[in-house]
Protein backbone atom coordinates (compact mmCIF):
# COMPACT_ATOMS: atom_id res chain seq x y z
CA MET A 1 0.05 84.47 -42.16
CA SER A 2 -3.63 83.63 -42.36
CA ARG A 3 -3.68 83.29 -38.57
CA LEU A 4 -3.44 87.04 -38.08
CA PRO A 5 -6.91 87.90 -39.43
CA THR A 6 -8.38 84.98 -37.48
CA GLN A 7 -6.75 86.12 -34.25
CA LEU A 8 -7.77 89.72 -34.85
CA THR A 9 -11.37 88.70 -35.53
CA ARG A 10 -11.42 86.53 -32.41
CA ARG A 11 -10.10 89.40 -30.28
CA LEU A 12 -12.66 91.83 -31.68
CA LEU A 13 -15.54 89.43 -31.10
CA HIS A 14 -14.29 88.69 -27.60
CA SER A 15 -14.19 92.42 -26.85
CA LEU A 16 -17.79 92.83 -27.99
CA ARG A 17 -18.91 90.53 -25.17
CA SER A 18 -18.22 93.42 -22.77
CA ARG A 19 -21.40 95.24 -21.79
CA LYS A 20 -19.48 98.47 -21.20
CA LEU A 21 -17.99 98.40 -24.69
CA ARG A 22 -21.35 97.73 -26.36
CA ILE A 23 -22.97 100.63 -24.48
CA ALA A 24 -20.04 102.89 -25.37
CA LEU A 25 -20.37 101.97 -29.05
CA ALA A 26 -24.13 102.63 -29.03
CA THR A 27 -23.61 105.97 -27.29
CA THR A 28 -20.91 106.95 -29.77
CA ALA A 29 -23.11 105.91 -32.70
CA ALA A 30 -25.91 108.17 -31.43
CA ALA A 31 -23.52 111.09 -31.08
CA PHE A 32 -22.16 110.55 -34.60
CA ALA A 33 -25.70 110.29 -36.00
CA ALA A 34 -26.39 113.80 -34.81
CA GLU A 35 -23.00 115.01 -36.00
CA ILE A 36 -23.39 113.80 -39.60
CA GLY A 37 -26.71 115.52 -39.99
CA LEU A 38 -29.35 112.88 -39.35
CA ASN A 39 -32.55 114.35 -37.98
CA VAL A 40 -31.73 113.72 -34.31
CA SER A 41 -32.50 116.37 -31.71
CA GLN A 42 -29.86 117.58 -29.30
CA GLU A 43 -32.04 116.55 -26.36
CA LEU A 44 -32.21 112.96 -27.62
CA VAL A 45 -28.44 112.80 -28.05
CA LEU A 46 -27.89 114.20 -24.55
CA ALA A 47 -30.36 111.68 -23.14
CA ILE A 48 -28.65 108.76 -24.89
CA VAL A 49 -25.18 109.91 -23.83
CA GLY A 50 -26.33 110.50 -20.25
CA ILE A 51 -28.03 107.13 -19.97
CA GLY A 52 -25.02 105.43 -21.57
CA ALA A 53 -22.64 107.07 -19.13
CA SER A 54 -24.78 106.11 -16.15
CA LEU A 55 -25.07 102.51 -17.37
CA ILE A 56 -21.30 102.25 -17.79
CA LEU A 57 -20.79 103.69 -14.30
CA GLY A 58 -23.34 101.25 -12.87
CA ILE A 59 -21.67 98.27 -14.52
CA ALA A 60 -18.27 99.41 -13.25
CA HIS A 61 -19.72 99.71 -9.74
CA GLU A 62 -21.21 96.23 -10.04
CA ASP A 63 -17.89 94.81 -11.21
CA ALA A 64 -16.06 96.49 -8.31
CA GLY A 65 -18.56 94.97 -5.86
CA LYS A 66 -17.99 91.50 -7.30
CA HIS A 67 -14.23 92.01 -7.02
CA ALA A 68 -14.47 93.28 -3.43
CA ALA A 69 -16.58 90.27 -2.41
CA HIS A 70 -13.65 87.97 -3.20
CA LEU A 71 -11.09 89.94 -1.19
CA PRO A 72 -10.23 88.78 2.35
CA GLN A 73 -11.98 90.73 5.08
CA GLN A 74 -9.81 93.23 6.92
CA PRO A 75 -10.32 93.78 10.63
CA GLY A 76 -12.38 96.87 11.40
CA ARG A 77 -10.79 99.88 13.01
CA GLU A 78 -12.05 101.30 16.25
CA ASN A 79 -13.11 104.92 15.95
CA PRO A 80 -11.55 106.92 18.77
CA ASP A 81 -13.94 108.84 20.94
CA THR A 82 -13.06 112.44 20.10
CA GLU A 83 -16.08 114.05 21.72
CA ASN A 84 -14.79 113.78 25.30
CA ILE A 85 -11.42 115.45 24.96
CA SER A 86 -10.42 116.87 28.33
């Protein structure tokens, strides 16, 4: 029964290796800081949330590019010439 906390801890620590998760946690912490009444301006929270969202999107785009690089190349399609329709 002592394995359960060890496995749970290992899973949590493994999840924290994700850059997207760490940025999401930092962004959420900034939003909660403003919500609980710390002296944080709305502009700062919006900047942190905006930057966090753009970083997560950039990392997802990077990951998709790495994944696409390992896929087999598909033959290109010829674009039909639609300008000279008689």
